[in-house]
Amino acid sequence: MAKAKTAFVCTECGADYSKWQGQCTACQAWNTISEVRGVSGGNSTKGVRGIRFEGYAGSLSEVKSLDEVSLAEQTRISTGMQEFDRVLGGGLIEGSAVLMGGHPGAGKSTLLLQAVCQLAARHPALYVTGEESLQQVAMRAKRLGLPTKDLKMLSETSVERVMQVAEAEKPRILVVDSIQVMHVAEIESAPGSVSQVRESAAYLTRFAKQTGTILFLVGHVTKDGSLAGPKVLEHMIDCSILLEGSSDSRYRTLRGIKNRFGAVNELGVFAMLEQGLKEVKNPSAIFLNRGEEAAPGSVVMVVWEGTRPMLVEIQALVDMAQGSYPRRVAVGLDQNRLAMLLAVLHRHGGMHVADQDVFVNVVGGVKVNETSADLALLAAVVSSFRNRALPQDLVIFGEVGLSGEIRPVPSGQERIYEASKHGFTRALVPKANAPRKPVEGMKVIPVTKLSDALSALEEL
């Protein structure tokens, strides 16, 4: 019988220790070190202190020089959804492991069921459900009107049993819903623990690499929106995607967090309908559903998501503080960056908002992670503070530095062309992003300093 080994692993960064301690010295996080039990022996590769670390990339191969490696392009398999393919980098790659996370009710199982039912007509597919019964999945497929003839189903939580069935059925696509309920018999801890999630994912990923099977793993998320389980789970897989969307919104965004075969931070937009998730091919149109009359504190900005520009509306509300400490609330933006930009506005724009509550929101539930929204955010704050609406045909983007300079952003001209396609006729942009040739129907206002931008807003 194999001898059990024990180690202690940080769930945040994956660092391992010989004994438990309160703080991880690698990432400085507190109370994140958990006990991990593994099994040594067999043909698996032993890692530190005898704990088994599976060969995630598949079986061992001979040593080659870099110029001997074949550069033949791998063929991609389309899911039948352009937005899904976009986030995946153009489609599915054989032997890849994809981890999909999201809040309960976001539509993870629905989206995968729609994609796999379409793929099953062309490629052998196996859907393993550990949380729902086969009847529940069948009822959902019938409600969505999906073709169910070719898709094979299995209700199982044992990884060993799943692999036995997969070896017999030889599917090209394998879906495991979800990884948190899977368990390995050799591990004594309960399903969902760090040990079980880690070992279950290792078994399944190694199987996918060795057989060329496309593996989908469904994962839960924690309260802060990150994927539950050890960080090493994200290192093992090839692609990590997150399905986001609030329960009161009909739209869902699929964002790429990690992708070894495509661009990261790629964004796909879906609409939740009675027939399931339907892809939205023109996201800018749904995020620009503005009122007929211009309102103070509202402006449109152009953000870059993955490989395409997208127009979204940003709103700001500035009001006299009701308490001793003014509030700074940002939804869809970094709250610390909001506080920093307000300090820049005071220092280099001459606008004092220290006694005001400032609320900022990106319409449509979009999360903006880039600095190109700085100038638009300050323009919305100024508009709300002065109670003066900005023109509805105006689009703004640009990064604001601590010394009040307006810095250029990547793909500036492509952003301007995208705004022009949607009927915008004026653009306030960094001078370095201004196009050399005039854009038909578009008046570009280049600025280099925050004071110049505020003066331009006064003249509009």
Protein backbone atom coordinates (compact mmCIF):
# COMPACT_ATOMS: atom_id res chain seq x y z
CA MET A 1 0.00 0.00 0.00
CA ALA A 2 1.30 3.47 -0.91
CA LYS A 3 2.58 5.56 1.92
CA ALA A 4 0.66 8.75 2.65
CA LYS A 5 2.61 11.99 2.75
CA THR A 6 1.61 15.33 4.20
CA ALA A 7 2.62 18.88 3.34
CA PHE A 8 1.24 22.35 4.00
CA VAL A 9 0.44 24.51 0.97
CA CYS A 10 -0.59 28.18 0.67
CA THR A 11 -3.89 28.43 -1.19
CA GLU A 12 -2.98 31.90 -2.49
CA CYS A 13 0.40 31.34 -4.11
CA GLY A 14 1.01 27.57 -3.95
CA ALA A 15 4.14 27.74 -1.74
CA ASP A 16 4.62 24.63 0.37
CA TYR A 17 5.99 24.18 3.90
CA SER A 18 6.98 21.28 6.13
CA LYS A 19 4.67 22.43 8.94
CA TRP A 20 1.78 24.78 9.48
CA GLN A 21 2.38 28.47 10.15
CA GLY A 22 0.11 31.49 10.37
CA GLN A 23 1.61 33.59 7.59
CA CYS A 24 2.92 32.59 4.18
CA THR A 25 6.41 34.02 3.81
CA ALA A 26 6.13 33.93 0.01
CA CYS A 27 3.03 36.09 -0.51
CA GLN A 28 2.65 37.53 3.03
CA ALA A 29 -0.97 36.28 3.28
CA TRP A 30 -2.37 35.23 6.66
CA ASN A 31 -4.27 32.01 7.46
CA THR A 32 -3.99 30.64 3.91
CA ILE A 33 -1.81 27.58 4.62
CA SER A 34 -3.74 24.30 4.54
CA GLU A 35 -2.75 20.69 4.97
CA VAL A 36 -2.37 18.70 1.75
CA ARG A 37 -2.20 14.93 1.76
CA GLY A 38 -0.80 13.05 -1.18
CA VAL A 39 0.42 9.60 -2.09
CA SER A 40 3.94 8.76 -3.09
CA GLY A 41 5.00 5.78 -5.17
CA GLY A 42 3.92 4.33 -8.49
CA ASN A 43 5.06 5.87 -11.76
CA SER A 44 4.26 9.46 -10.77
CA THR A 45 6.92 12.09 -10.39
CA LYS A 46 7.81 12.95 -6.78
CA GLY A 47 8.07 16.53 -5.76
CA VAL A 48 9.24 18.21 -2.59
CA ARG A 49 9.04 15.97 0.50
CA GLY A 50 7.64 13.07 -1.54
CA ILE A 51 4.30 14.71 -2.38
CA ARG A 52 3.13 13.70 -5.83
CA PHE A 53 3.16 16.49 -8.38
CA GLU A 54 1.68 15.10 -11.56
CA GLY A 55 3.25 15.68 -14.94
CA TYR A 56 0.62 18.21 -15.99
CA ALA A 57 2.01 18.52 -19.50
CA GLY A 58 1.60 14.78 -20.15
CA SER A 59 4.08 11.93 -20.36
CA LEU A 60 7.82 12.50 -20.26
CA SER A 61 9.55 13.01 -23.61
CA GLU A 62 13.11 13.03 -24.87
CA VAL A 63 15.29 16.11 -24.74
CA LYS A 64 15.33 18.22 -27.92
CA SER A 65 16.97 21.44 -28.98
CA LEU A 66 14.61 24.33 -29.55
CA ASP A 67 15.11 24.38 -33.33
CA GLU A 68 14.03 20.72 -33.55
CA VAL A 69 10.59 21.41 -32.12
CA SER A 70 7.83 21.16 -34.72
CA LEU A 71 6.11 24.48 -35.43
CA ALA A 72 3.11 22.97 -37.15
CA GLU A 73 0.06 25.07 -36.32
CA GLN A 74 -2.50 23.30 -34.17
CA THR A 75 -5.99 23.18 -35.60
CA ARG A 76 -8.73 24.80 -33.56
CA ILE A 77 -12.23 23.51 -33.03
CA SER A 78 -15.00 26.10 -33.09
CA THR A 79 -17.60 26.00 -30.33
CA GLY A 80 -20.24 27.45 -32.65
CA MET A 81 -20.25 30.74 -30.69
CA GLN A 82 -18.03 33.52 -31.99
CA GLU A 83 -17.87 35.28 -28.62
CA PHE A 84 -16.86 32.04 -26.88
CA ASP A 85 -14.22 31.35 -29.55
CA ARG A 86 -12.89 34.90 -29.16
CA VAL A 87 -12.25 34.44 -25.43
CA LEU A 88 -10.61 31.05 -26.06
CA GLY A 89 -8.25 32.61 -28.59
CA GLY A 90 -10.02 31.40 -31.73
CA GLY A 91 -11.38 28.03 -30.66
CA LEU A 92 -10.45 24.88 -28.75
CA ILE A 93 -7.03 23.20 -28.91
CA GLU A 94 -6.61 19.44 -28.57
CA GLY A 95 -5.21 18.44 -25.19
CA SER A 96 -6.02 21.80 -23.60
CA ALA A 97 -7.52 22.20 -20.14
CA VAL A 98 -9.99 25.05 -19.69
CA LEU A 99 -11.21 26.23 -16.28
CA MET A 100 -14.49 28.15 -16.21
CA GLY A 101 -15.46 29.98 -13.03
CA GLY A 102 -18.37 32.16 -12.01
CA HIS A 103 -20.87 32.96 -9.29
CA PRO A 104 -23.84 30.64 -8.69
CA GLY A 105 -26.51 31.31 -11.27
CA ALA A 106 -24.19 33.12 -13.68
CA GLY A 107 -24.83 30.50 -16.36
CA LYS A 108 -21.65 28.39 -16.40
CA SER A 109 -23.44 25.05 -16.84
CA THR A 110 -25.89 26.54 -19.33
CA LEU A 111 -23.16 28.00 -21.55
CA LEU A 112 -21.12 24.79 -21.53
CA LEU A 113 -24.20 22.63 -22.17
CA GLN A 114 -25.10 24.77 -25.18
CA ALA A 115 -21.58 24.57 -26.58
CA VAL A 116 -21.10 20.83 -25.94
CA CYS A 117 -24.49 19.88 -27.43
CA GLN A 118 -23.48 21.63 -30.65
CA LEU A 119 -19.98 20.13 -30.61
CA ALA A 120 -21.28 16.60 -29.94
CA ALA A 121 -22.80 16.48 -33.43
CA ARG A 122 -19.26 16.72 -34.89
CA HIS A 123 -17.00 15.31 -32.17
CA PRO A 124 -17.50 12.65 -29.44
CA ALA A 125 -18.31 14.43 -26.17
CA LEU A 126 -18.84 13.33 -22.57
CA TYR A 127 -20.52 15.56 -19.97
CA VAL A 128 -19.82 14.55 -16.35
CA THR A 129 -22.15 16.11 -13.81
CA GLY A 130 -21.42 15.80 -10.11
CA GLU A 131 -23.76 18.48 -8.74
CA GLU A 132 -26.93 17.83 -10.73
CA SER A 133 -28.76 14.66 -11.66
CA LEU A 134 -29.03 13.53 -15.25
CA GLN A 135 -32.73 14.37 -15.21
CA GLN A 136 -32.01 17.98 -14.23
CA VAL A 137 -29.51 18.39 -17.05
CA ALA A 138 -31.90 16.76 -19.53
CA MET A 139 -34.72 19.09 -18.46
CA ARG A 140 -32.49 22.13 -18.98
CA ALA A 141 -31.44 20.92 -22.43
CA LYS A 142 -35.08 20.36 -23.40
CA ARG A 143 -36.07 23.81 -22.13
CA LEU A 144 -33.30 25.40 -24.19
CA GLY A 145 -34.22 23.38 -27.28
CA LEU A 146 -30.76 21.83 -27.64
CA PRO A 147 -29.91 18.73 -29.72
CA THR A 148 -29.32 15.93 -27.21
CA LYS A 149 -28.99 12.87 -29.43
CA ASP A 150 -25.18 12.75 -29.66
CA LEU A 151 -24.12 14.00 -26.20
CA LYS A 152 -23.20 11.29 -23.68
CA MET A 153 -23.83 11.94 -19.98
CA LEU A 154 -22.37 10.56 -16.76
CA SER A 155 -23.35 11.33 -13.16
CA GLU A 156 -20.23 10.66 -11.09
CA THR A 157 -17.97 12.29 -8.49
CA SER A 158 -15.14 9.73 -8.40
CA VAL A 159 -12.18 10.77 -10.54
CA GLU A 160 -11.08 7.15 -10.97
CA ARG A 161 -14.50 6.18 -12.31
CA VAL A 162 -14.60 9.19 -14.63
CA MET A 163 -11.24 8.25 -16.10
CA GLN A 164 -12.33 4.64 -16.62
CA VAL A 165 -15.40 5.75 -18.54
CA ALA A 166 -13.39 8.30 -20.51
CA GLU A 167 -10.84 5.65 -21.52
CA ALA A 168 -13.66 3.40 -22.73
CA GLU A 169 -15.70 6.09 -24.52
CA LYS A 170 -12.66 8.03 -25.85
CA PRO A 171 -14.38 11.43 -26.03
CA ARG A 172 -12.70 14.31 -27.80
CA ILE A 173 -14.35 16.76 -25.42
CA LEU A 174 -14.76 16.11 -21.68
CA VAL A 175 -16.71 18.41 -19.35
CA VAL A 176 -16.46 18.02 -15.55
CA ASP A 177 -19.06 20.00 -13.59
CA SER A 178 -17.69 20.80 -11.10
CA ILE A 179 -14.13 20.18 -9.91
CA GLN A 180 -15.10 21.03 -6.30
CA VAL A 181 -17.27 17.90 -5.95
CA MET A 182 -14.75 15.50 -7.45
CA HIS A 183 -12.68 13.28 -5.18
CA VAL A 184 -9.76 10.87 -5.39
CA ALA A 185 -10.01 7.70 -3.29
CA GLU A 186 -6.36 7.88 -2.20
CA ILE A 187 -6.92 11.28 -0.53
CA GLU A 188 -8.54 11.15 2.89
CA SER A 189 -9.86 14.73 3.03
CA ALA A 190 -13.39 15.70 2.01
CA PRO A 191 -14.35 16.77 -1.54
CA GLY A 192 -13.79 20.48 -2.10
CA SER A 193 -10.71 20.64 0.13
CA VAL A 194 -7.38 21.87 -1.16
CA SER A 195 -6.03 18.32 -1.36
CA GLN A 196 -8.97 16.94 -3.33
CA VAL A 197 -9.24 19.86 -5.76
CA ARG A 198 -5.52 19.77 -6.40
CA GLU A 199 -5.24 16.02 -6.96
CA SER A 200 -8.49 15.73 -8.94
CA ALA A 201 -7.41 18.47 -11.32
CA ALA A 202 -3.97 16.88 -11.64
CA TYR A 203 -5.43 13.48 -12.63
CA LEU A 204 -7.85 14.97 -15.15
CA THR A 205 -5.34 17.40 -16.67
CA ARG A 206 -2.73 14.68 -17.12
CA PHE A 207 -5.33 12.46 -18.78
CA ALA A 208 -6.28 15.30 -21.17
CA LYS A 209 -2.64 15.95 -22.12
CA GLN A 210 -1.81 12.31 -22.73
CA THR A 211 -4.92 11.52 -24.79
CA GLY A 212 -5.39 14.85 -26.60
CA THR A 213 -8.81 15.33 -25.00
CA ILE A 214 -10.23 18.85 -24.63
CA LEU A 215 -11.03 19.22 -20.92
CA PHE A 216 -13.50 21.71 -19.41
CA LEU A 217 -13.47 22.14 -15.63
CA VAL A 218 -16.19 24.15 -13.89
CA GLY A 219 -15.02 25.93 -10.74
CA HIS A 220 -16.70 27.87 -7.96
CA VAL A 221 -15.71 31.37 -6.89
CA THR A 222 -15.22 32.91 -3.46
CA LYS A 223 -16.91 36.02 -2.07
CA ASP A 224 -14.28 38.31 -3.56
CA GLY A 225 -14.83 36.82 -7.02
CA SER A 226 -11.64 34.76 -7.29
CA LEU A 227 -11.65 31.07 -8.16
CA ALA A 228 -11.96 28.84 -5.12
CA GLY A 229 -9.21 26.33 -4.40
CA PRO A 230 -5.41 26.54 -4.49
CA LYS A 231 -3.67 28.86 -6.92
CA VAL A 232 -1.77 25.87 -8.26
CA LEU A 233 -5.03 24.88 -9.97
CA GLU A 234 -4.73 27.94 -12.21
CA HIS A 235 -1.11 27.04 -12.99
CA MET A 236 -2.02 23.54 -14.16
CA ILE A 237 -4.67 24.51 -16.69
CA ASP A 238 -4.07 26.20 -20.05
CA CYS A 239 -6.97 28.63 -20.07
CA SER A 240 -8.89 30.25 -17.22
CA ILE A 241 -12.12 32.10 -18.03
CA LEU A 242 -14.60 33.81 -15.73
CA LEU A 243 -18.32 34.28 -16.40
CA GLU A 244 -19.53 37.45 -14.69
CA GLY A 245 -22.91 39.12 -14.37
CA SER A 246 -25.32 40.23 -11.66
CA SER A 247 -28.63 38.47 -11.09
CA ASP A 248 -30.59 41.63 -11.96
CA SER A 249 -28.91 42.02 -15.34
CA ARG A 250 -29.67 40.04 -18.48
CA TYR A 251 -26.12 40.39 -19.78
CA ARG A 252 -23.16 38.15 -18.93
CA THR A 253 -19.51 38.85 -19.70
CA LEU A 254 -17.02 36.05 -20.30
CA ARG A 255 -13.51 37.28 -19.54
CA GLY A 256 -10.22 35.51 -20.19
CA ILE A 257 -7.96 35.52 -17.12
CA LYS A 258 -5.22 33.26 -18.47
CA ASN A 259 -4.74 31.82 -21.93
CA ARG A 260 -1.71 29.99 -23.28
CA PHE A 261 -3.21 29.94 -26.77
CA GLY A 262 -4.54 33.48 -27.12
CA ALA A 263 -4.83 36.99 -25.72
CA VAL A 264 -5.63 37.50 -22.05
CA ASN A 265 -8.35 39.87 -20.84
CA GLU A 266 -10.37 39.06 -23.95
CA LEU A 267 -14.06 39.75 -23.40
CA GLY A 268 -17.16 38.03 -24.75
CA VAL A 269 -20.68 39.32 -24.11
CA PHE A 270 -23.80 37.19 -23.86
CA ALA A 271 -27.46 37.93 -23.20
CA MET A 272 -29.40 35.62 -20.88
CA LEU A 273 -32.68 34.70 -22.59
CA GLU A 274 -35.29 31.97 -22.15
CA GLN A 275 -33.47 29.98 -24.83
CA GLY A 276 -30.18 30.23 -22.92
CA LEU A 277 -27.17 32.45 -23.47
CA LYS A 278 -27.13 34.27 -26.80
CA GLU A 279 -23.95 35.96 -27.96
CA VAL A 280 -23.90 39.73 -28.44
CA LYS A 281 -21.76 40.50 -31.48
CA ASN A 282 -21.79 44.29 -31.01
CA PRO A 283 -21.29 44.94 -27.27
CA SER A 284 -20.85 48.71 -27.71
CA ALA A 285 -24.45 49.01 -28.89
CA ILE A 286 -25.93 47.55 -25.68
CA PHE A 287 -23.65 49.51 -23.36
CA LEU A 288 -24.53 52.81 -25.07
CA ASN A 289 -28.27 52.69 -24.44
CA ARG A 290 -28.36 56.25 -23.13
CA GLY A 291 -31.28 58.61 -22.52
CA GLU A 292 -32.47 61.08 -25.12
CA GLU A 293 -31.47 64.08 -23.00
CA ALA A 294 -27.90 64.66 -21.87
CA ALA A 295 -27.40 64.40 -18.09
CA PRO A 296 -24.59 65.85 -15.96
CA GLY A 297 -21.94 63.36 -14.90
CA SER A 298 -22.28 61.07 -17.92
CA VAL A 299 -19.69 60.55 -20.66
CA VAL A 300 -18.70 57.78 -23.10
CA MET A 301 -15.18 56.33 -23.11
CA VAL A 302 -13.42 53.79 -25.32
CA VAL A 303 -11.74 50.89 -23.53
CA TRP A 304 -9.65 48.13 -25.09
CA GLU A 305 -10.79 44.62 -24.24
CA GLY A 306 -8.46 41.93 -25.51
CA THR A 307 -8.24 42.50 -29.27
CA ARG A 308 -11.05 44.99 -29.86
CA PRO A 309 -12.22 48.44 -28.71
CA MET A 310 -15.48 48.81 -26.83
CA LEU A 311 -17.51 51.90 -26.01
CA VAL A 312 -19.00 52.11 -22.53
CA GLU A 313 -20.64 54.86 -20.51
CA ILE A 314 -19.18 56.08 -17.25
CA GLN A 315 -21.31 57.99 -14.74
CA ALA A 316 -20.28 60.12 -11.78
CA LEU A 317 -22.25 61.70 -8.95
CA VAL A 318 -20.67 64.40 -6.79
CA ASP A 319 -22.67 65.57 -3.79
CA MET A 320 -22.05 67.31 -0.50
CA ALA A 321 -20.78 64.83 2.10
CA GLN A 322 -23.37 63.91 4.72
CA GLY A 323 -20.88 62.67 7.31
CA SER A 324 -17.50 63.60 8.66
CA TYR A 325 -15.65 61.50 6.09
CA PRO A 326 -16.50 61.93 2.38
CA ARG A 327 -17.18 58.68 0.58
CA ARG A 328 -15.32 57.44 -2.49
CA VAL A 329 -17.22 54.61 -4.20
CA ALA A 330 -16.20 53.10 -7.55
CA VAL A 331 -18.19 50.34 -9.27
CA GLY A 332 -16.35 48.76 -12.18
CA LEU A 333 -13.18 50.77 -11.49
CA ASP A 334 -10.32 50.68 -9.01
CA GLN A 335 -11.34 52.65 -5.91
CA ASN A 336 -7.75 53.50 -5.01
CA ARG A 337 -7.19 54.95 -8.47
CA LEU A 338 -10.31 57.08 -8.05
CA ALA A 339 -8.88 58.61 -4.86
CA MET A 340 -5.57 59.25 -6.63
CA LEU A 341 -7.22 60.94 -9.62
CA LEU A 342 -9.27 63.19 -7.35
CA ALA A 343 -6.01 64.37 -5.74
CA VAL A 344 -4.58 65.09 -9.23
CA LEU A 345 -7.77 67.00 -10.09
CA HIS A 346 -7.33 69.18 -7.01
CA ARG A 347 -3.62 69.77 -7.46
CA HIS A 348 -3.47 70.34 -11.22
CA GLY A 349 -7.09 71.17 -12.07
CA GLY A 350 -7.85 73.53 -9.21
CA MET A 351 -11.07 71.72 -8.25
CA HIS A 352 -11.63 71.04 -4.56
CA VAL A 353 -13.81 67.97 -3.91
CA ALA A 354 -12.41 66.95 -0.50
CA ASP A 355 -15.74 67.79 1.16
CA GLN A 356 -17.82 65.96 -1.48
CA ASP A 357 -19.05 62.39 -1.77
CA VAL A 358 -17.93 60.96 -5.12
CA PHE A 359 -19.68 57.94 -6.67
CA VAL A 360 -18.51 56.49 -9.99
CA ASN A 361 -20.15 53.69 -11.98
CA VAL A 362 -19.41 51.94 -15.29
CA VAL A 363 -22.77 51.23 -16.92
CA GLY A 364 -23.63 47.65 -17.85
CA GLY A 365 -21.57 45.92 -15.18
CA VAL A 366 -18.34 46.17 -17.19
CA LYS A 367 -15.11 46.08 -15.18
CA VAL A 368 -12.45 48.42 -16.54
CA ASN A 369 -8.90 47.37 -15.69
CA GLU A 370 -6.90 49.79 -17.84
CA THR A 371 -5.79 53.38 -17.29
CA SER A 372 -7.39 54.77 -20.46
CA ALA A 373 -10.51 55.55 -18.40
CA ASP A 374 -8.70 58.20 -16.28
CA LEU A 375 -9.55 61.24 -18.39
CA ALA A 376 -13.18 60.17 -18.93
CA LEU A 377 -13.59 59.56 -15.19
CA LEU A 378 -12.37 63.06 -14.32
CA ALA A 379 -14.54 64.58 -17.05
CA ALA A 380 -17.61 62.87 -15.57
CA VAL A 381 -16.67 64.09 -12.06
CA VAL A 382 -16.24 67.68 -13.30
CA SER A 383 -19.54 67.50 -15.20
CA SER A 384 -21.42 66.34 -12.11
CA PHE A 385 -19.68 68.80 -9.79
CA ARG A 386 -20.53 71.76 -12.03
CA ASN A 387 -23.98 70.31 -12.88
CA ARG A 388 -23.27 70.78 -16.56
CA ALA A 389 -23.98 68.05 -19.09
CA LEU A 390 -21.39 67.10 -21.68
CA PRO A 391 -22.35 66.68 -25.37
CA GLN A 392 -23.70 63.26 -26.22
CA ASP A 393 -21.58 63.06 -29.37
CA LEU A 394 -18.36 63.37 -27.32
CA VAL A 395 -16.06 60.44 -26.55
CA ILE A 396 -13.06 60.64 -24.19
CA PHE A 397 -10.07 58.46 -23.35
CA GLY A 398 -6.56 58.95 -21.99
CA GLU A 399 -4.32 58.24 -19.01
CA VAL A 400 -3.72 60.96 -16.41
CA GLY A 401 -0.33 61.11 -14.70
CA LEU A 402 0.40 62.34 -11.20
CA SER A 403 1.96 65.54 -12.54
CA GLY A 404 -1.20 66.36 -14.50
CA GLU A 405 0.05 65.23 -17.92
CA ILE A 406 -2.23 63.34 -20.32
CA ARG A 407 -0.43 60.20 -21.44
CA PRO A 408 -1.19 58.22 -24.61
CA VAL A 409 -2.79 54.78 -24.49
CA PRO A 410 -2.31 51.75 -26.78
CA SER A 411 -4.33 51.49 -30.02
CA GLY A 412 -5.50 55.09 -29.80
CA GLN A 413 -6.40 55.51 -33.47
CA GLU A 414 -8.39 52.28 -33.51
CA ARG A 415 -10.42 53.63 -30.59
CA ILE A 416 -11.18 56.83 -32.51
CA TYR A 417 -12.29 54.89 -35.59
CA GLU A 418 -14.57 52.70 -33.45
CA ALA A 419 -16.20 55.79 -31.92
CA SER A 420 -16.68 57.27 -35.39
CA LYS A 421 -18.50 54.12 -36.53
CA HIS A 422 -21.03 54.59 -33.73
CA GLY A 423 -21.86 58.17 -34.69
CA PHE A 424 -19.62 60.16 -32.34
CA THR A 425 -18.36 63.39 -33.90
CA ARG A 426 -16.00 64.74 -31.21
CA ALA A 427 -13.16 63.07 -29.32
CA LEU A 428 -11.02 64.40 -26.46
CA VAL A 429 -7.81 62.34 -26.61
CA PRO A 430 -4.10 62.55 -25.73
CA LYS A 431 -2.12 64.48 -28.31
CA ALA A 432 0.10 61.48 -29.06
CA ASN A 433 -3.01 59.43 -29.98
CA ALA A 434 -4.38 61.99 -32.44
CA PRO A 435 -4.49 60.53 -35.99
CA ARG A 436 -2.17 62.05 -38.57
CA LYS A 437 -4.92 62.11 -41.18
CA PRO A 438 -8.32 63.66 -40.41
CA VAL A 439 -11.08 61.18 -39.61
CA GLU A 440 -14.17 61.82 -41.69
CA GLY A 441 -16.97 63.23 -39.57
CA MET A 442 -14.83 63.32 -36.41
CA LYS A 443 -13.33 66.39 -34.71
CA VAL A 444 -10.36 65.28 -32.62
CA ILE A 445 -9.34 67.55 -29.71
CA PRO A 446 -5.76 66.69 -28.65
CA VAL A 447 -4.61 67.60 -25.12
CA THR A 448 -1.32 67.26 -23.26
CA LYS A 449 -2.21 68.50 -19.75
CA LEU A 450 -5.19 68.16 -17.45
CA SER A 451 -5.67 71.92 -17.40
CA ASP A 452 -5.95 71.90 -21.21
CA ALA A 453 -8.56 69.13 -21.04
CA LEU A 454 -10.65 71.07 -18.50
CA SER A 455 -10.46 74.18 -20.67
CA ALA A 456 -11.59 72.18 -23.70
CA LEU A 457 -14.55 70.79 -21.72
CA GLU A 458 -15.56 74.38 -20.81
CA GLU A 459 -15.67 75.35 -24.48
CA LEU A 460 -17.83 72.39 -25.53
